[in-house]
PDB file of N, CA and C in Angstrom:
ATOM      1  N   UNK A   1     -66.899-126.454  57.098  1.00  0.00           N
ATOM      2  CA  UNK A   1     -68.144-127.088  56.712  1.00  0.00           C
ATOM      3  C   UNK A   1     -67.999-127.625  55.289  1.00  0.00           C
ATOM      4  N   UNK A   2     -68.203-128.919  55.124  1.00  0.00           N
ATOM      5  CA  UNK A   2     -68.102-129.558  53.819  1.00  0.00           C
ATOM      6  C   UNK A   2     -69.462-129.515  53.126  1.00  0.00           C
ATOM      7  N   UNK A   3     -69.544-128.792  52.008  1.00  0.00           N
ATOM      8  CA  UNK A   3     -70.803-128.620  51.296  1.00  0.00           C
ATOM      9  C   UNK A   3     -70.585-128.970  49.831  1.00  0.00           C
ATOM     10  N   UNK A   4     -71.538-129.686  49.253  1.00  0.00           N
ATOM     11  CA  UNK A   4     -71.423-130.061  47.842  1.00  0.00           C
ATOM     12  C   UNK A   4     -71.537-128.827  46.951  1.00  0.00           C
ATOM     13  N   UNK A   5     -70.972-128.920  45.754  1.00  0.00           N
ATOM     14  CA  UNK A   5     -71.068-127.825  44.793  1.00  0.00           C
ATOM     15  C   UNK A   5     -72.522-127.570  44.407  1.00  0.00           C
ATOM     16  N   UNK A   6     -73.309-128.627  44.345  1.00  0.00           N
ATOM     17  CA  UNK A   6     -74.723-128.481  43.999  1.00  0.00           C
ATOM     18  C   UNK A   6     -75.445-127.645  45.043  1.00  0.00           C
ATOM     19  N   UNK A   7     -75.198-127.959  46.308  1.00  0.00           N
ATOM     20  CA  UNK A   7     -75.862-127.220  47.388  1.00  0.00           C
ATOM     21  C   UNK A   7     -75.392-125.775  47.437  1.00  0.00           C
ATOM     22  N   UNK A   8     -74.092-125.554  47.335  1.00  0.00           N
ATOM     23  CA  UNK A   8     -73.593-124.179  47.400  1.00  0.00           C
ATOM     24  C   UNK A   8     -74.098-123.359  46.209  1.00  0.00           C
ATOM     25  N   UNK A   9     -74.177-123.957  45.039  1.00  0.00           N
ATOM     26  CA  UNK A   9     -74.709-123.265  43.866  1.00  0.00           C
ATOM     27  C   UNK A   9     -76.188-122.914  44.060  1.00  0.00           C
ATOM     28  N   UNK A  10     -76.948-123.852  44.588  1.00  0.00           N
ATOM     29  CA  UNK A  10     -78.373-123.631  44.860  1.00  0.00           C
ATOM     30  C   UNK A  10     -78.549-122.504  45.873  1.00  0.00           C
ATOM     31  N   UNK A  11     -77.813-122.561  46.968  1.00  0.00           N
ATOM     32  CA  UNK A  11     -77.905-121.531  47.998  1.00  0.00           C
ATOM     33  C   UNK A  11     -77.473-120.167  47.460  1.00  0.00           C
ATOM     34  N   UNK A  12     -76.427-120.149  46.634  1.00  0.00           N
ATOM     35  CA  UNK A  12     -75.968-118.882  46.054  1.00  0.00           C
ATOM     36  C   UNK A  12     -77.077-118.253  45.211  1.00  0.00           C
ATOM     37  N   UNK A  13     -77.756-119.050  44.427  1.00  0.00           N
ATOM     38  CA  UNK A  13     -78.859-118.527  43.607  1.00  0.00           C
ATOM     39  C   UNK A  13     -79.994-118.011  44.478  1.00  0.00           C
ATOM     40  N   UNK A  14     -80.337-118.768  45.509  1.00  0.00           N
ATOM     41  CA  UNK A  14     -81.397-118.324  46.418  1.00  0.00           C
ATOM     42  C   UNK A  14     -81.023-117.003  47.080  1.00  0.00           C
ATOM     43  N   UNK A  15     -79.789-116.908  47.535  1.00  0.00           N
ATOM     44  CA  UNK A  15     -79.344-115.711  48.240  1.00  0.00           C
ATOM     45  C   UNK A  15     -79.313-114.498  47.312  1.00  0.00           C
ATOM     46  N   UNK A  16     -78.827-114.673  46.095  1.00  0.00           N
ATOM     47  CA  UNK A  16     -78.789-113.573  45.128  1.00  0.00           C
ATOM     48  C   UNK A  16     -80.213-113.112  44.800  1.00  0.00           C
ATOM     49  N   UNK A  17     -81.119-114.044  44.594  1.00  0.00           N
ATOM     50  CA  UNK A  17     -82.513-113.671  44.316  1.00  0.00           C
ATOM     51  C   UNK A  17     -83.103-112.912  45.500  1.00  0.00           C
ATOM     52  N   UNK A  18     -82.791-113.363  46.702  1.00  0.00           N
ATOM     53  CA  UNK A  18     -83.278-112.691  47.908  1.00  0.00           C
ATOM     54  C   UNK A  18     -82.717-111.266  48.002  1.00  0.00           C
ATOM     55  N   UNK A  19     -81.422-111.099  47.747  1.00  0.00           N
ATOM     56  CA  UNK A  19     -80.811-109.766  47.799  1.00  0.00           C
ATOM     57  C   UNK A  19     -81.444-108.829  46.781  1.00  0.00           C
ATOM     58  N   UNK A  20     -81.711-109.338  45.590  1.00  0.00           N
ATOM     59  CA  UNK A  20     -82.359-108.533  44.555  1.00  0.00           C
ATOM     60  C   UNK A  20     -83.769-108.155  44.993  1.00  0.00           C
ATOM     61  N   UNK A  21     -84.530-109.144  45.433  1.00  0.00           N
ATOM     62  CA  UNK A  21     -85.931-108.922  45.781  1.00  0.00           C
ATOM     63  C   UNK A  21     -86.094-107.998  46.988  1.00  0.00           C
ATOM     64  N   UNK A  22     -85.160-108.059  47.921  1.00  0.00           N
ATOM     65  CA  UNK A  22     -85.267-107.230  49.127  1.00  0.00           C
ATOM     66  C   UNK A  22     -84.710-105.822  48.914  1.00  0.00           C
ATOM     67  N   UNK A  23     -84.144-105.562  47.732  1.00  0.00           N
ATOM     68  CA  UNK A  23     -83.628-104.233  47.423  1.00  0.00           C
ATOM     69  C   UNK A  23     -82.230-103.970  47.948  1.00  0.00           C
ATOM     70  N   UNK A  24     -81.616-104.975  48.539  1.00  0.00           N
ATOM     71  CA  UNK A  24     -80.261-104.819  49.082  1.00  0.00           C
ATOM     72  C   UNK A  24     -79.248-104.653  47.945  1.00  0.00           C
ATOM     73  N   UNK A  25     -79.429-105.423  46.888  1.00  0.00           N
ATOM     74  CA  UNK A  25     -78.489-105.392  45.764  1.00  0.00           C
ATOM     75  C   UNK A  25     -79.256-105.648  44.472  1.00  0.00           C
ATOM     76  N   UNK A  26     -79.461-104.599  43.690  1.00  0.00           N
ATOM     77  CA  UNK A  26     -80.264-104.772  42.475  1.00  0.00           C
ATOM     78  C   UNK A  26     -79.425-104.762  41.204  1.00  0.00           C
ATOM     79  N   UNK A  27     -78.097-104.680  41.346  1.00  0.00           N
ATOM     80  CA  UNK A  27     -77.245-104.740  40.159  1.00  0.00           C
ATOM     81  C   UNK A  27     -75.975-105.520  40.496  1.00  0.00           C
ATOM     82  N   UNK A  28     -75.186-105.796  39.489  1.00  0.00           N
ATOM     83  CA  UNK A  28     -74.005-106.646  39.679  1.00  0.00           C
ATOM     84  C   UNK A  28     -72.991-106.027  40.651  1.00  0.00           C
ATOM     85  N   UNK A  29     -72.646-104.737  40.529  1.00  0.00           N
ATOM     86  CA  UNK A  29     -71.699-104.175  41.502  1.00  0.00           C
ATOM     87  C   UNK A  29     -72.202-104.275  42.948  1.00  0.00           C
ATOM     88  N   UNK A  30     -73.485-104.062  43.167  1.00  0.00           N
ATOM     89  CA  UNK A  30     -74.040-104.163  44.517  1.00  0.00           C
ATOM     90  C   UNK A  30     -74.013-105.607  45.016  1.00  0.00           C
ATOM     91  N   UNK A  31     -74.264-106.566  44.125  1.00  0.00           N
ATOM     92  CA  UNK A  31     -74.172-107.987  44.501  1.00  0.00           C
ATOM     93  C   UNK A  31     -72.736-108.340  44.887  1.00  0.00           C
ATOM     94  N   UNK A  32     -71.784-107.820  44.125  1.00  0.00           N
ATOM     95  CA  UNK A  32     -70.375-108.069  44.427  1.00  0.00           C
ATOM     96  C   UNK A  32     -70.022-107.512  45.805  1.00  0.00           C
ATOM     97  N   UNK A  33     -70.507-106.314  46.100  1.00  0.00           N
ATOM     98  CA  UNK A  33     -70.212-105.686  47.385  1.00  0.00           C
ATOM     99  C   UNK A  33     -70.863-106.443  48.541  1.00  0.00           C
ATOM    100  N   UNK A  34     -72.090-106.877  48.353  1.00  0.00           N
ATOM    101  CA  UNK A  34     -72.831-107.552  49.427  1.00  0.00           C
ATOM    102  C   UNK A  34     -72.296-108.950  49.726  1.00  0.00           C
ATOM    103  N   UNK A  35     -71.736-109.606  48.712  1.00  0.00           N
ATOM    104  CA  UNK A  35     -71.334-111.004  48.876  1.00  0.00           C
ATOM    105  C   UNK A  35     -69.834-111.240  48.796  1.00  0.00           C
ATOM    106  N   UNK A  36     -69.126-110.339  48.138  1.00  0.00           N
ATOM    107  CA  UNK A  36     -67.701-110.542  47.915  1.00  0.00           C
ATOM    108  C   UNK A  36     -67.411-111.433  46.718  1.00  0.00           C
ATOM    109  N   UNK A  37     -68.441-111.806  45.961  1.00  0.00           N
ATOM    110  CA  UNK A  37     -68.206-112.681  44.807  1.00  0.00           C
ATOM    111  C   UNK A  37     -67.652-111.878  43.630  1.00  0.00           C
ATOM    112  N   UNK A  38     -66.867-112.518  42.783  1.00  0.00           N
ATOM    113  CA  UNK A  38     -66.348-111.849  41.590  1.00  0.00           C
ATOM    114  C   UNK A  38     -67.476-111.475  40.634  1.00  0.00           C
ATOM    115  N   UNK A  39     -67.187-110.493  39.775  1.00  0.00           N
ATOM    116  CA  UNK A  39     -68.185-110.001  38.803  1.00  0.00           C
ATOM    117  C   UNK A  39     -68.789-111.144  37.981  1.00  0.00           C
ATOM    118  N   UNK A  40     -67.939-111.983  37.435  1.00  0.00           N
ATOM    119  CA  UNK A  40     -68.428-113.051  36.548  1.00  0.00           C
ATOM    120  C   UNK A  40     -69.353-114.015  37.308  1.00  0.00           C
ATOM    121  N   UNK A  41     -69.017-114.331  38.536  1.00  0.00           N
ATOM    122  CA  UNK A  41     -69.859-115.208  39.352  1.00  0.00           C
ATOM    123  C   UNK A  41     -71.213-114.553  39.594  1.00  0.00           C
ATOM    124  N   UNK A  42     -71.201-113.268  39.902  1.00  0.00           N
ATOM    125  CA  UNK A  42     -72.452-112.538  40.125  1.00  0.00           C
ATOM    126  C   UNK A  42     -73.308-112.546  38.858  1.00  0.00           C
ATOM    127  N   UNK A  43     -72.694-112.257  37.720  1.00  0.00           N
ATOM    128  CA  UNK A  43     -73.422-112.245  36.450  1.00  0.00           C
ATOM    129  C   UNK A  43     -73.990-113.627  36.128  1.00  0.00           C
ATOM    130  N   UNK A  44     -73.154-114.647  36.286  1.00  0.00           N
ATOM    131  CA  UNK A  44     -73.593-116.014  35.981  1.00  0.00           C
ATOM    132  C   UNK A  44     -74.709-116.464  36.924  1.00  0.00           C
ATOM    133  N   UNK A  45     -74.631-116.054  38.184  1.00  0.00           N
ATOM    134  CA  UNK A  45     -75.652-116.449  39.158  1.00  0.00           C
ATOM    135  C   UNK A  45     -76.986-115.814  38.820  1.00  0.00           C
ATOM    136  N   UNK A  46     -76.987-114.534  38.453  1.00  0.00           N
ATOM    137  CA  UNK A  46     -78.233-113.872  38.042  1.00  0.00           C
ATOM    138  C   UNK A  46     -78.802-114.576  36.816  1.00  0.00           C
ATOM    139  N   UNK A  47     -77.958-114.887  35.847  1.00  0.00           N
ATOM    140  CA  UNK A  47     -78.420-115.558  34.623  1.00  0.00           C
ATOM    141  C   UNK A  47     -78.972-116.947  34.925  1.00  0.00           C
ATOM    142  N   UNK A  48     -78.439-117.612  35.961  1.00  0.00           N
ATOM    143  CA  UNK A  48     -78.857-118.980  36.288  1.00  0.00           C
ATOM    144  C   UNK A  48     -80.145-119.037  37.104  1.00  0.00           C
ATOM    145  N   UNK A  49     -80.671-117.906  37.536  1.00  0.00           N
ATOM    146  CA  UNK A  49     -81.913-117.927  38.312  1.00  0.00           C
ATOM    147  C   UNK A  49     -83.055-118.561  37.518  1.00  0.00           C
ATOM    148  N   UNK A  50     -83.009-118.391  36.218  1.00  0.00           N
ATOM    149  CA  UNK A  50     -84.046-118.975  35.360  1.00  0.00           C
ATOM    150  C   UNK A  50     -84.078-120.497  35.462  1.00  0.00           C
ATOM    151  N   UNK A  51     -82.934-121.124  35.783  1.00  0.00           N
ATOM    152  CA  UNK A  51     -82.890-122.582  35.949  1.00  0.00           C
ATOM    153  C   UNK A  51     -83.759-123.041  37.117  1.00  0.00           C
ATOM    154  N   UNK A  52     -84.014-122.134  38.063  1.00  0.00           N
ATOM    155  CA  UNK A  52     -84.875-122.445  39.216  1.00  0.00           C
ATOM    156  C   UNK A  52     -86.298-121.924  39.002  1.00  0.00           C
ATOM    157  N   UNK A  53     -86.585-121.483  37.782  1.00  0.00           N
ATOM    158  CA  UNK A  53     -87.882-120.869  37.444  1.00  0.00           C
ATOM    159  C   UNK A  53     -88.138-119.581  38.214  1.00  0.00           C
ATOM    160  N   UNK A  54     -87.073-118.915  38.635  1.00  0.00           N
ATOM    161  CA  UNK A  54     -87.189-117.586  39.219  1.00  0.00           C
ATOM    162  C   UNK A  54     -87.088-116.594  38.064  1.00  0.00           C
ATOM    163  N   UNK A  55     -88.119-115.776  37.913  1.00  0.00           N
ATOM    164  CA  UNK A  55     -88.139-114.793  36.831  1.00  0.00           C
ATOM    165  C   UNK A  55     -87.507-113.499  37.336  1.00  0.00           C
ATOM    166  N   UNK A  56     -86.337-113.195  36.789  1.00  0.00           N
ATOM    167  CA  UNK A  56     -85.585-112.000  37.168  1.00  0.00           C
ATOM    168  C   UNK A  56     -85.372-111.175  35.898  1.00  0.00           C
ATOM    169  N   UNK A  57     -85.814-109.924  35.941  1.00  0.00           N
ATOM    170  CA  UNK A  57     -85.700-109.068  34.765  1.00  0.00           C
ATOM    171  C   UNK A  57     -84.919-107.809  35.100  1.00  0.00           C
ATOM    172  N   UNK A  58     -84.170-107.323  34.114  1.00  0.00           N
ATOM    173  CA  UNK A  58     -83.447-106.065  34.278  1.00  0.00           C
ATOM    174  C   UNK A  58     -84.347-104.932  33.844  1.00  0.00           C
ATOM    175  N   UNK A  59     -84.435-103.904  34.674  1.00  0.00           N
ATOM    176  CA  UNK A  59     -85.223-102.726  34.333  1.00  0.00           C
ATOM    177  C   UNK A  59     -84.295-101.544  34.119  1.00  0.00           C
ATOM    178  N   UNK A  60     -84.340-101.009  32.912  1.00  0.00           N
ATOM    179  CA  UNK A  60     -83.540 -99.831  32.572  1.00  0.00           C
ATOM    180  C   UNK A  60     -84.055 -98.639  33.369  1.00  0.00           C
ATOM    181  N   UNK A  61     -83.147 -97.890  33.960  1.00  0.00           N
ATOM    182  CA  UNK A  61     -83.519 -96.696  34.702  1.00  0.00           C
ATOM    183  C   UNK A  61     -84.037 -95.655  33.723  1.00  0.00           C
ATOM    184  N   UNK A  62     -85.155 -95.033  34.047  1.00  0.00           N
ATOM    185  CA  UNK A  62     -85.787 -94.035  33.174  1.00  0.00           C
ATOM    186  C   UNK A  62     -84.799 -92.930  32.817  1.00  0.00           C
ATOM    187  N   UNK A  63     -84.590 -92.734  31.509  1.00  0.00           N
ATOM    188  CA  UNK A  63     -83.722 -91.665  31.035  1.00  0.00           C
ATOM    189  C   UNK A  63     -82.232 -91.932  31.181  1.00  0.00           C
ATOM    190  N   UNK A  64     -81.861 -93.091  31.676  1.00  0.00           N
ATOM    191  CA  UNK A  64     -80.434 -93.394  31.883  1.00  0.00           C
ATOM    192  C   UNK A  64     -79.833 -94.046  30.649  1.00  0.00           C
ATOM    193  N   UNK A  65     -78.507 -93.970  30.564  1.00  0.00           N
ATOM    194  CA  UNK A  65     -77.788 -94.591  29.457  1.00  0.00           C
ATOM    195  C   UNK A  65     -76.912 -95.712  29.982  1.00  0.00           C
ATOM    196  N   UNK A  66     -76.365 -96.489  29.068  1.00  0.00           N
ATOM    197  CA  UNK A  66     -75.365 -97.514  29.399  1.00  0.00           C
ATOM    198  C   UNK A  66     -75.866 -98.551  30.405  1.00  0.00           C
ATOM    199  N   UNK A  67     -77.057 -99.032  30.192  1.00  0.00           N
ATOM    200  CA  UNK A  67     -77.609-100.118  31.009  1.00  0.00           C
ATOM    201  C   UNK A  67     -77.682 -99.777  32.493  1.00  0.00           C
ATOM    202  N   UNK A  68     -77.966 -98.533  32.803  1.00  0.00           N
ATOM    203  CA  UNK A  68     -78.163 -98.155  34.210  1.00  0.00           C
ATOM    204  C   UNK A  68     -79.556 -98.625  34.624  1.00  0.00           C
ATOM    205  N   UNK A  69     -79.622 -99.236  35.758  1.00  0.00           N
ATOM    206  CA  UNK A  69     -80.895 -99.746  36.255  1.00  0.00           C
ATOM    207  C   UNK A  69     -80.630-100.869  37.227  1.00  0.00           C
ATOM    208  N   UNK A  70     -81.599-101.738  37.369  1.00  0.00           N
ATOM    209  CA  UNK A  70     -81.426-102.830  38.310  1.00  0.00           C
ATOM    210  C   UNK A  70     -82.321-104.012  38.002  1.00  0.00           C
ATOM    211  N   UNK A  71     -82.046-105.116  38.668  1.00  0.00           N
ATOM    212  CA  UNK A  71     -82.828-106.334  38.498  1.00  0.00           C
ATOM    213  C   UNK A  71     -84.032-106.326  39.426  1.00  0.00           C
ATOM    214  N   UNK A  72     -85.074-107.018  38.996  1.00  0.00           N
ATOM    215  CA  UNK A  72     -86.269-107.228  39.814  1.00  0.00           C
ATOM    216  C   UNK A  72     -86.697-108.685  39.683  1.00  0.00           C
ATOM    217  N   UNK A  73     -87.117-109.257  40.806  1.00  0.00           N
ATOM    218  CA  UNK A  73     -87.682-110.605  40.781  1.00  0.00           C
ATOM    219  C   UNK A  73     -89.171-110.452  40.480  1.00  0.00           C
ATOM    220  N   UNK A  74     -89.609-111.036  39.385  1.00  0.00           N
ATOM    221  CA  UNK A  74     -91.016-110.954  38.967  1.00  0.00           C
ATOM    222  C   UNK A  74     -91.826-112.139  39.488  1.00  0.00           C
ATOM    223  N   UNK A  75     -91.164-113.291  39.614  1.00  0.00           N
ATOM    224  CA  UNK A  75     -91.880-114.499  40.041  1.00  0.00           C
ATOM    225  C   UNK A  75     -90.868-115.445  40.682  1.00  0.00           C
ATOM    226  N   UNK A  76     -91.225-115.973  41.848  1.00  0.00           N
ATOM    227  CA  UNK A  76     -90.342-116.904  42.560  1.00  0.00           C
ATOM    228  C   UNK A  76     -90.539-118.345  42.107  1.00  0.00           C
ATOM    229  N   UNK A  77     -91.496-118.607  41.232  1.00  0.00           N
ATOM    230  CA  UNK A  77     -91.721-119.988  40.804  1.00  0.00           C
ATOM    231  C   UNK A  77     -92.060-120.854  42.001  1.00  0.00           C
ATOM    232  N   UNK A  78     -91.419-122.003  42.115  1.00  0.00           N
ATOM    233  CA  UNK A  78     -91.701-122.942  43.206  1.00  0.00           C
ATOM    234  C   UNK A  78     -90.900-122.635  44.474  1.00  0.00           C
ATOM    235  N   UNK A  79     -90.066-121.607  44.421  1.00  0.00           N
ATOM    236  CA  UNK A  79     -89.211-121.265  45.565  1.00  0.00           C
ATOM    237  C   UNK A  79     -90.007-120.464  46.594  1.00  0.00           C
ATOM    238  N   UNK A  80     -89.838-120.805  47.856  1.00  0.00           N
ATOM    239  CA  UNK A  80     -90.509-120.124  48.959  1.00  0.00           C
ATOM    240  C   UNK A  80     -89.575-119.059  49.532  1.00  0.00           C
ATOM    241  N   UNK A  81     -89.859-117.802  49.226  1.00  0.00           N
ATOM    242  CA  UNK A  81     -89.026-116.698  49.696  1.00  0.00           C
ATOM    243  C   UNK A  81     -88.969-116.675  51.226  1.00  0.00           C
ATOM    244  N   UNK A  82     -90.059-117.027  51.868  1.00  0.00           N
ATOM    245  CA  UNK A  82     -90.112-117.055  53.325  1.00  0.00           C
ATOM    246  C   UNK A  82     -89.109-118.034  53.915  1.00  0.00           C
ATOM    247  N   UNK A  83     -88.905-119.176  53.241  1.00  0.00           N
ATOM    248  CA  UNK A  83     -87.916-120.151  53.712  1.00  0.00           C
ATOM    249  C   UNK A  83     -86.515-119.547  53.651  1.00  0.00           C
ATOM    250  N   UNK A  84     -86.227-118.838  52.573  1.00  0.00           N
ATOM    251  CA  UNK A  84     -84.911-118.205  52.428  1.00  0.00           C
ATOM    252  C   UNK A  84     -84.690-117.221  53.575  1.00  0.00           C
ATOM    253  N   UNK A  85     -85.676-116.387  53.812  1.00  0.00           N
ATOM    254  CA  UNK A  85     -85.571-115.379  54.872  1.00  0.00           C
ATOM    255  C   UNK A  85     -85.366-116.030  56.243  1.00  0.00           C
ATOM    256  N   UNK A  86     -86.099-117.095  56.494  1.00  0.00           N
ATOM    257  CA  UNK A  86     -86.000-117.791  57.780  1.00  0.00           C
ATOM    258  C   UNK A  86     -84.663-118.509  57.953  1.00  0.00           C
ATOM    259  N   UNK A  87     -84.001-118.830  56.849  1.00  0.00           N
ATOM    260  CA  UNK A  87     -82.748-119.588  56.893  1.00  0.00           C
ATOM    261  C   UNK A  87     -81.530-118.783  56.454  1.00  0.00           C
ATOM    262  N   UNK A  88     -81.633-117.459  56.440  1.00  0.00           N
ATOM    263  CA  UNK A  88     -80.518-116.615  55.987  1.00  0.00           C
ATOM    264  C   UNK A  88     -79.211-116.894  56.726  1.00  0.00           C
ATOM    265  N   UNK A  89     -79.235-117.019  58.050  1.00  0.00           N
ATOM    266  CA  UNK A  89     -77.946-117.282  58.726  1.00  0.00           C
ATOM    267  C   UNK A  89     -77.284-118.570  58.233  1.00  0.00           C
ATOM    268  N   UNK A  90     -78.060-119.612  58.039  1.00  0.00           N
ATOM    269  CA  UNK A  90     -77.506-120.882  57.557  1.00  0.00           C
ATOM    270  C   UNK A  90     -76.986-120.747  56.128  1.00  0.00           C
ATOM    271  N   UNK A  91     -77.768-120.085  55.263  1.00  0.00           N
ATOM    272  CA  UNK A  91     -77.362-119.914  53.869  1.00  0.00           C
ATOM    273  C   UNK A  91     -76.054-119.133  53.798  1.00  0.00           C
ATOM    274  N   UNK A  92     -75.956-118.038  54.546  1.00  0.00           N
ATOM    275  CA  UNK A  92     -74.741-117.223  54.550  1.00  0.00           C
ATOM    276  C   UNK A  92     -73.547-117.986  55.111  1.00  0.00           C
ATOM    277  N   UNK A  93     -73.785-118.825  56.118  1.00  0.00           N
ATOM    278  CA  UNK A  93     -72.704-119.622  56.701  1.00  0.00           C
ATOM    279  C   UNK A  93     -72.192-120.649  55.700  1.00  0.00           C
ATOM    280  N   UNK A  94     -73.088-121.321  55.002  1.00  0.00           N
ATOM    281  CA  UNK A  94     -72.694-122.314  53.994  1.00  0.00           C
ATOM    282  C   UNK A  94     -71.864-121.651  52.888  1.00  0.00           C
ATOM    283  N   UNK A  95     -72.279-120.443  52.497  1.00  0.00           N
ATOM    284  CA  UNK A  95     -71.592-119.736  51.410  1.00  0.00           C
ATOM    285  C   UNK A  95     -70.383-118.941  51.901  1.00  0.00           C
ATOM    286  N   UNK A  96     -70.236-118.832  53.222  1.00  0.00           N
ATOM    287  CA  UNK A  96     -69.171-118.036  53.824  1.00  0.00           C
ATOM    288  C   UNK A  96     -69.252-116.567  53.378  1.00  0.00           C
ATOM    289  N   UNK A  97     -70.486-116.047  53.395  1.00  0.00           N
ATOM    290  CA  UNK A  97     -70.736-114.646  53.043  1.00  0.00           C
ATOM    291  C   UNK A  97     -70.950-113.834  54.316  1.00  0.00           C
ATOM    292  N   UNK A  98     -70.602-112.549  54.244  1.00  0.00           N
ATOM    293  CA  UNK A  98     -70.768-111.681  55.426  1.00  0.00           C
ATOM    294  C   UNK A  98     -72.241-111.486  55.793  1.00  0.00           C
TER     295      UNK A  98
END
């Protein structure tokens, strides 16, 4: 499947936000495990969610040290989470994710 870098980048951001919001993967190691993406790609993708006006914040785990905790989606902006959920098979196929 031939997909533009713009589309694959957009889908990757949508999918990462969905994984965070659904509780499947709330930190970088879990995102790496769920998608197979390298650490740096996972980190950069989380940081790039703001470009889509998706508000994603890191919450420190109560009483934990060394940045233990996870990400939470606070606001989806103009993105329709329902569309992502309805199109998960297509998004995963485009990204070649399990």
